Amino acid sequence: MAAAQAERETALRQAEEAQRKRARVARIRNIALVALSILAVLAGLLGLLAEQQREEAEQQREEAAEQRNILEAATTYMVKSQTEQDEGKKREAFGPVLALFQRGADRGDTFYIRNLALLYQAFGPAQDYTKARELYETAAIKGDARAMFNLGLLYANGWGVAQDYTKAREWWEKAADRGDGNAKAELKAAAGRYEEALALREGSAAEVEAEETKREGKPGEETARALNSVAWLALFAQQFTQALAFADRAHALLPDNLEIETNRAHALMFLERGEDSKALYLAYKGKPLSGQDARLWERVIAEDFAEFRKAGLTHPMMADIEKELGVSP
């Protein structure tokens, strides 16, 4: 018994150290998971409201109509917020979205509590990491695995809290114990077990695609972001052909997403397709990654290269690309 406990403690210490070394792997790409979660919020809300409206059509017609109006406002906001520059208009459009989730959270519904936290975490007009953490904790106490996973992200990235890899791992372990695939993948990646993490992330992406296809009739943005997350892990697992295949498919579904383009460029480089990768690396110099991520393309490439080097992945082209992009270390 004592030997088993000692072995577990040693494994946990090793996992924590690996997490420290690879923390940037999570920090750089977890934005994609948040974006994917936002899309899932809307998808889940659509299904939930449709079910509620069917059940309450006779008794609560007025409330159902109100919810439809709020849903329309939420949909409009989530689509237009990607390009809207006027912060006042963003806040005005965002009010009904918060109101709907707040009402559900007040009833103690973990779906609403967790996703209200996600809104406070990820949406500029109402961004409040303290509220997000408190709401995630409330949902986690009620047993919500996704809330546990998102709490881990807060601590791993230092979003509104002191960066604490031990707490991040603890929350991911709790989420993984409840079957959360993303939490399992994060734990595997943190321990350097990239192939296992890749398999888990592939499974999660397949689930996302199946759900989106069932709902929309075909895969779309949610699937693209999930596939790109798989491509990123495939690079660290040194499955470069697989990484390119996932990134190419993500690109086909979401062709204007620059984060997907970074993974395509990386995969081409490691596959020794130098001319193709160089053209892609230099094509977006000076451009921000997205409306939600203001980092310039070349800075993201430099950060990615730094992570590859930490993981023992190197290529002669990397120094040349950094020089041409003006981001040599």
Protein backbone atom coordinates (compact mmCIF):
# COMPACT_ATOMS: atom_id res chain seq x y z
CA MET A 1 0.00 0.00 0.00
CA ALA A 2 2.78 2.40 0.97
CA ALA A 3 4.72 1.52 -2.18
CA ALA A 4 1.68 2.20 -4.34
CA GLN A 5 1.13 5.56 -2.64
CA ALA A 6 4.76 6.49 -3.11
CA GLU A 7 4.57 5.52 -6.77
CA ARG A 8 1.46 7.68 -7.23
CA GLU A 9 3.11 10.66 -5.53
CA THR A 10 6.19 10.28 -7.74
CA ALA A 11 3.99 10.15 -10.84
CA LEU A 12 2.13 13.27 -9.76
CA ARG A 13 5.38 15.16 -9.19
CA GLN A 14 6.63 14.11 -12.61
CA ALA A 15 3.35 15.18 -14.19
CA GLU A 16 3.55 18.57 -12.48
CA GLU A 17 7.09 19.14 -13.70
CA ALA A 18 6.13 18.13 -17.22
CA GLN A 19 3.15 20.45 -17.02
CA ARG A 20 5.42 23.34 -16.10
CA LYS A 21 7.70 22.62 -19.06
CA ARG A 22 4.85 22.27 -21.51
CA ALA A 23 2.45 24.83 -20.10
CA ARG A 24 2.75 27.03 -23.17
CA VAL A 25 1.46 24.18 -25.32
CA ALA A 26 -1.81 24.44 -23.44
CA ARG A 27 -1.82 28.24 -23.20
CA ILE A 28 -1.29 28.86 -26.90
CA ARG A 29 -3.98 26.51 -28.13
CA ASN A 30 -6.57 26.58 -25.34
CA ILE A 31 -8.07 29.68 -26.98
CA ALA A 32 -9.35 27.31 -29.66
CA LEU A 33 -11.03 25.14 -27.06
CA VAL A 34 -12.73 28.20 -25.58
CA ALA A 35 -13.93 29.26 -29.01
CA LEU A 36 -15.20 25.76 -29.64
CA SER A 37 -16.99 25.80 -26.29
CA ILE A 38 -18.70 29.08 -27.19
CA LEU A 39 -20.07 27.47 -30.33
CA ALA A 40 -21.20 24.50 -28.27
CA VAL A 41 -23.01 26.87 -25.90
CA LEU A 42 -25.10 28.19 -28.75
CA ALA A 43 -25.72 24.71 -30.14
CA GLY A 44 -26.75 23.37 -26.75
CA LEU A 45 -28.93 26.38 -26.15
CA LEU A 46 -30.72 25.83 -29.45
CA GLY A 47 -31.54 22.25 -28.54
CA LEU A 48 -32.45 23.06 -24.96
CA LEU A 49 -34.76 25.90 -25.86
CA ALA A 50 -36.43 23.85 -28.59
CA GLU A 51 -37.14 21.08 -26.09
CA GLN A 52 -38.42 23.52 -23.48
CA GLN A 53 -40.67 25.20 -26.01
CA ARG A 54 -42.21 21.86 -27.03
CA GLU A 55 -42.88 20.89 -23.44
CA GLU A 56 -44.26 24.26 -22.38
CA ALA A 57 -46.03 25.34 -25.59
CA GLU A 58 -49.47 25.46 -24.02
CA GLN A 59 -48.63 26.62 -20.52
CA GLN A 60 -45.93 29.20 -21.17
CA ARG A 61 -46.41 30.68 -24.65
CA GLU A 62 -45.31 34.12 -23.62
CA GLU A 63 -42.14 32.88 -21.93
CA ALA A 64 -41.31 30.71 -24.94
CA ALA A 65 -41.69 33.72 -27.22
CA GLU A 66 -39.40 35.74 -24.97
CA GLN A 67 -36.80 33.01 -25.03
CA ARG A 68 -36.94 32.90 -28.83
CA ASN A 69 -36.35 36.63 -28.94
CA ILE A 70 -33.38 36.33 -26.59
CA LEU A 71 -32.01 33.42 -28.61
CA GLU A 72 -32.20 35.51 -31.77
CA ALA A 73 -30.30 38.27 -29.99
CA ALA A 74 -27.71 35.77 -28.77
CA THR A 75 -27.28 34.32 -32.24
CA THR A 76 -26.91 37.77 -33.78
CA TYR A 77 -24.36 38.78 -31.18
CA MET A 78 -22.27 35.65 -31.45
CA VAL A 79 -22.07 36.02 -35.21
CA LYS A 80 -21.53 39.77 -35.48
CA SER A 81 -19.20 40.11 -32.51
CA GLN A 82 -16.46 38.56 -34.61
CA THR A 83 -16.26 41.73 -36.74
CA GLU A 84 -18.01 44.47 -34.75
CA GLN A 85 -15.55 47.14 -33.66
CA ASP A 86 -17.90 49.42 -31.69
CA GLU A 87 -17.64 48.30 -28.05
CA GLY A 88 -20.86 50.14 -27.15
CA LYS A 89 -22.82 48.19 -29.74
CA LYS A 90 -21.24 44.97 -28.50
CA ARG A 91 -22.35 45.66 -24.94
CA GLU A 92 -25.86 46.59 -26.05
CA ALA A 93 -26.25 43.40 -28.07
CA PHE A 94 -24.77 41.29 -25.29
CA GLY A 95 -27.30 42.24 -22.60
CA PRO A 96 -30.06 39.79 -23.64
CA VAL A 97 -27.54 36.96 -23.85
CA LEU A 98 -26.41 37.45 -20.26
CA ALA A 99 -30.02 37.85 -19.11
CA LEU A 100 -31.03 34.46 -20.46
CA PHE A 101 -28.12 32.58 -18.93
CA GLN A 102 -28.43 34.44 -15.65
CA ARG A 103 -32.08 33.41 -15.34
CA GLY A 104 -31.18 29.77 -15.86
CA ALA A 105 -28.25 30.04 -13.45
CA ASP A 106 -30.55 31.50 -10.79
CA ARG A 107 -32.58 28.29 -11.00
CA GLY A 108 -29.45 26.28 -10.21
CA ASP A 109 -29.21 24.70 -13.67
CA THR A 110 -25.55 23.67 -14.21
CA PHE A 111 -25.85 24.08 -18.00
CA TYR A 112 -26.62 27.76 -17.52
CA ILE A 113 -24.18 28.24 -14.63
CA ARG A 114 -21.26 26.79 -16.56
CA ASN A 115 -22.03 28.63 -19.76
CA LEU A 116 -22.69 31.91 -17.97
CA ALA A 117 -19.16 31.47 -16.59
CA LEU A 118 -17.89 30.84 -20.11
CA LEU A 119 -19.50 34.07 -21.30
CA TYR A 120 -17.83 36.02 -18.50
CA GLN A 121 -14.55 34.32 -19.35
CA ALA A 122 -14.48 34.72 -23.11
CA PHE A 123 -16.67 37.63 -24.24
CA GLY A 124 -15.11 41.08 -24.13
CA PRO A 125 -18.21 43.14 -23.24
CA ALA A 126 -18.68 41.25 -19.98
CA GLN A 127 -15.28 39.70 -19.38
CA ASP A 128 -14.84 39.12 -15.66
CA TYR A 129 -12.54 36.26 -14.71
CA THR A 130 -13.49 36.45 -11.04
CA LYS A 131 -17.17 35.88 -11.82
CA ALA A 132 -16.22 33.16 -14.27
CA ARG A 133 -14.19 31.31 -11.65
CA GLU A 134 -16.91 31.60 -9.01
CA LEU A 135 -19.55 30.27 -11.40
CA TYR A 136 -17.33 27.42 -12.58
CA GLU A 137 -16.73 26.48 -8.96
CA THR A 138 -20.48 26.47 -8.31
CA ALA A 139 -21.08 24.18 -11.29
CA ALA A 140 -18.11 21.99 -10.33
CA ILE A 141 -19.52 21.47 -6.83
CA LYS A 142 -22.66 20.21 -8.54
CA GLY A 143 -20.54 17.67 -10.43
CA ASP A 144 -20.20 19.38 -13.82
CA ALA A 145 -17.10 17.92 -15.52
CA ARG A 146 -16.82 20.64 -18.15
CA ALA A 147 -16.77 23.30 -15.44
CA MET A 148 -13.95 21.38 -13.75
CA PHE A 149 -12.01 21.29 -17.02
CA ASN A 150 -12.51 25.02 -17.58
CA LEU A 151 -11.32 25.78 -14.04
CA GLY A 152 -8.16 23.91 -14.94
CA LEU A 153 -7.73 26.17 -17.96
CA LEU A 154 -8.05 29.27 -15.78
CA TYR A 155 -5.29 28.08 -13.47
CA ALA A 156 -3.03 26.75 -16.25
CA ASN A 157 -3.18 30.03 -18.13
CA GLY A 158 -3.32 32.40 -15.16
CA TRP A 159 -6.62 33.86 -16.39
CA GLY A 160 -7.87 35.95 -13.47
CA VAL A 161 -6.01 33.80 -10.94
CA ALA A 162 -2.41 33.21 -9.95
CA GLN A 163 -0.98 30.69 -12.39
CA ASP A 164 -0.96 27.38 -10.59
CA TYR A 165 -0.19 24.19 -12.51
CA THR A 166 -0.89 22.01 -9.50
CA LYS A 167 -4.44 23.31 -9.18
CA ALA A 168 -4.91 23.04 -12.94
CA ARG A 169 -3.90 19.39 -12.83
CA GLU A 170 -6.16 18.74 -9.83
CA TRP A 171 -9.20 20.13 -11.65
CA TRP A 172 -8.34 18.20 -14.82
CA GLU A 173 -7.99 15.01 -12.80
CA LYS A 174 -11.44 15.57 -11.30
CA ALA A 175 -12.90 16.25 -14.74
CA ALA A 176 -11.14 13.21 -16.21
CA ASP A 177 -12.54 11.03 -13.42
CA ARG A 178 -15.98 12.11 -14.64
CA GLY A 179 -15.13 11.16 -18.20
CA ASP A 180 -14.17 14.51 -19.74
CA GLY A 181 -12.11 13.71 -22.85
CA ASN A 182 -10.41 17.10 -23.11
CA ALA A 183 -9.23 16.85 -19.51
CA LYS A 184 -7.82 13.39 -20.18
CA ALA A 185 -5.99 14.72 -23.23
CA GLU A 186 -4.53 17.66 -21.30
CA LEU A 187 -3.19 15.32 -18.62
CA LYS A 188 -1.60 13.02 -21.19
CA ALA A 189 -0.02 15.96 -23.05
CA ALA A 190 1.25 17.47 -19.80
CA ALA A 191 3.05 14.20 -19.09
CA GLY A 192 4.55 14.16 -22.58
CA ARG A 193 2.36 11.24 -23.66
CA TYR A 194 1.37 12.92 -26.89
CA GLU A 195 0.23 9.87 -28.83
CA GLU A 196 -2.25 8.99 -26.09
CA ALA A 197 -3.38 12.61 -25.90
CA LEU A 198 -3.79 12.61 -29.68
CA ALA A 199 -6.03 9.55 -29.60
CA LEU A 200 -8.23 11.14 -26.95
CA ARG A 201 -8.48 14.43 -28.83
CA GLU A 202 -9.35 12.56 -32.04
CA GLY A 203 -12.22 10.91 -30.20
CA SER A 204 -13.48 14.25 -28.92
CA ALA A 205 -13.28 15.74 -32.42
CA ALA A 206 -15.26 12.85 -33.84
CA GLU A 207 -17.98 13.49 -31.27
CA VAL A 208 -18.05 17.20 -32.13
CA GLU A 209 -18.37 16.40 -35.83
CA ALA A 210 -21.15 13.88 -35.25
CA GLU A 211 -23.12 16.34 -33.12
CA GLU A 212 -22.66 19.25 -35.53
CA THR A 213 -23.55 17.12 -38.54
CA LYS A 214 -26.68 15.83 -36.84
CA ARG A 215 -27.74 19.36 -35.94
CA GLU A 216 -26.68 21.28 -39.06
CA GLY A 217 -26.69 18.58 -41.71
CA LYS A 218 -22.94 18.90 -42.30
CA PRO A 219 -19.71 19.63 -40.40
CA GLY A 220 -18.76 23.29 -40.01
CA GLU A 221 -16.89 25.69 -37.75
CA GLU A 222 -17.12 23.59 -34.60
CA THR A 223 -15.67 20.59 -36.41
CA ALA A 224 -12.93 22.71 -38.00
CA ARG A 225 -11.75 24.02 -34.64
CA ALA A 226 -11.83 20.53 -33.14
CA LEU A 227 -9.82 19.12 -36.05
CA ASN A 228 -7.25 21.89 -35.71
CA SER A 229 -6.80 21.02 -32.05
CA VAL A 230 -6.08 17.45 -33.14
CA ALA A 231 -3.56 18.71 -35.72
CA TRP A 232 -1.66 20.62 -33.04
CA LEU A 233 -1.26 17.53 -30.85
CA ALA A 234 -0.34 15.42 -33.88
CA LEU A 235 2.68 17.70 -34.42
CA PHE A 236 3.97 16.95 -30.92
CA ALA A 237 3.28 13.25 -31.43
CA GLN A 238 5.45 13.57 -34.58
CA GLN A 239 2.59 12.29 -36.70
CA PHE A 240 3.21 14.92 -39.37
CA THR A 241 1.24 13.37 -42.21
CA GLN A 242 -1.70 13.04 -39.87
CA ALA A 243 -1.22 16.63 -38.66
CA LEU A 244 -1.40 17.94 -42.23
CA ALA A 245 -4.46 15.85 -43.02
CA PHE A 246 -6.35 17.22 -40.03
CA ALA A 247 -5.21 20.79 -40.67
CA ASP A 248 -6.13 20.57 -44.36
CA ARG A 249 -9.59 19.30 -43.54
CA ALA A 250 -10.03 22.05 -40.94
CA HIS A 251 -8.90 24.60 -43.54
CA ALA A 252 -11.46 23.30 -46.04
CA LEU A 253 -14.21 23.88 -43.48
CA LEU A 254 -12.88 27.23 -42.19
CA PRO A 255 -10.58 28.66 -44.89
CA ASP A 256 -10.00 32.11 -43.39
CA ASN A 257 -8.82 30.94 -39.96
CA LEU A 258 -5.15 31.82 -39.48
CA GLU A 259 -4.65 29.52 -36.50
CA ILE A 260 -5.40 26.60 -38.80
CA GLU A 261 -2.88 28.01 -41.27
CA THR A 262 -0.14 27.93 -38.62
CA ASN A 263 -0.59 24.20 -38.19
CA ARG A 264 -0.65 23.64 -41.95
CA ALA A 265 2.65 25.51 -42.27
CA HIS A 266 4.22 23.54 -39.40
CA ALA A 267 3.15 20.18 -40.83
CA LEU A 268 4.47 21.07 -44.30
CA MET A 269 7.82 22.04 -42.79
CA PHE A 270 8.24 18.81 -40.84
CA LEU A 271 7.20 16.84 -43.95
CA GLU A 272 10.14 18.48 -45.81
CA ARG A 273 7.89 20.44 -48.16
CA GLY A 274 10.07 23.50 -47.74
CA GLU A 275 8.82 25.75 -50.53
CA ASP A 276 5.17 25.22 -49.62
CA SER A 277 5.75 25.80 -45.93
CA LYS A 278 7.91 28.90 -46.47
CA ALA A 279 5.30 30.47 -48.73
CA LEU A 280 2.66 29.92 -46.06
CA TYR A 281 4.86 31.16 -43.21
CA LEU A 282 5.57 34.42 -45.03
CA ALA A 283 2.09 34.99 -46.46
CA TYR A 284 0.53 36.41 -43.29
CA LYS A 285 3.35 38.48 -41.81
CA GLY A 286 1.97 41.51 -39.97
CA LYS A 287 -1.58 40.18 -39.68
CA PRO A 288 -3.32 39.57 -36.32
CA LEU A 289 -4.31 35.99 -35.70
CA SER A 290 -8.02 36.85 -35.37
CA GLY A 291 -10.48 39.42 -34.11
CA GLN A 292 -10.35 37.68 -30.73
CA ASP A 293 -6.57 37.17 -30.64
CA ALA A 294 -4.57 40.29 -31.49
CA ARG A 295 -1.18 38.57 -31.54
CA LEU A 296 0.58 39.07 -34.86
CA TRP A 297 1.12 36.04 -37.06
CA GLU A 298 4.91 36.16 -36.71
CA ARG A 299 4.70 36.27 -32.92
CA VAL A 300 2.48 33.18 -32.90
CA ILE A 301 4.92 31.36 -35.18
CA ALA A 302 7.81 32.28 -32.88
CA GLU A 303 5.89 31.03 -29.83
CA ASP A 304 5.05 27.79 -31.60
CA PHE A 305 8.68 27.23 -32.59
CA ALA A 306 9.71 27.79 -28.97
CA GLU A 307 7.29 25.08 -27.88
CA PHE A 308 8.55 22.68 -30.50
CA ARG A 309 12.12 23.16 -29.31
CA LYS A 310 11.10 22.54 -25.68
CA ALA A 311 9.50 19.28 -26.78
CA GLY A 312 12.62 18.24 -28.70
CA LEU A 313 11.17 19.08 -32.13
CA THR A 314 13.59 20.99 -34.36
CA HIS A 315 14.04 21.70 -38.04
CA PRO A 316 16.73 23.71 -39.90
CA MET A 317 14.05 25.92 -41.48
CA MET A 318 12.91 27.30 -38.16
CA ALA A 319 15.81 29.73 -37.72
CA ASP A 320 15.49 30.94 -41.31
CA ILE A 321 11.76 31.56 -40.98
CA GLU A 322 12.24 33.43 -37.70
CA LYS A 323 14.86 35.63 -39.37
CA GLU A 324 12.62 36.44 -42.33
CA LEU A 325 9.69 37.16 -40.04
CA GLY A 326 11.84 39.37 -37.83
CA VAL A 327 11.33 37.33 -34.67
CA SER A 328 14.67 35.62 -34.16
CA PRO A 329 15.18 34.67 -30.48
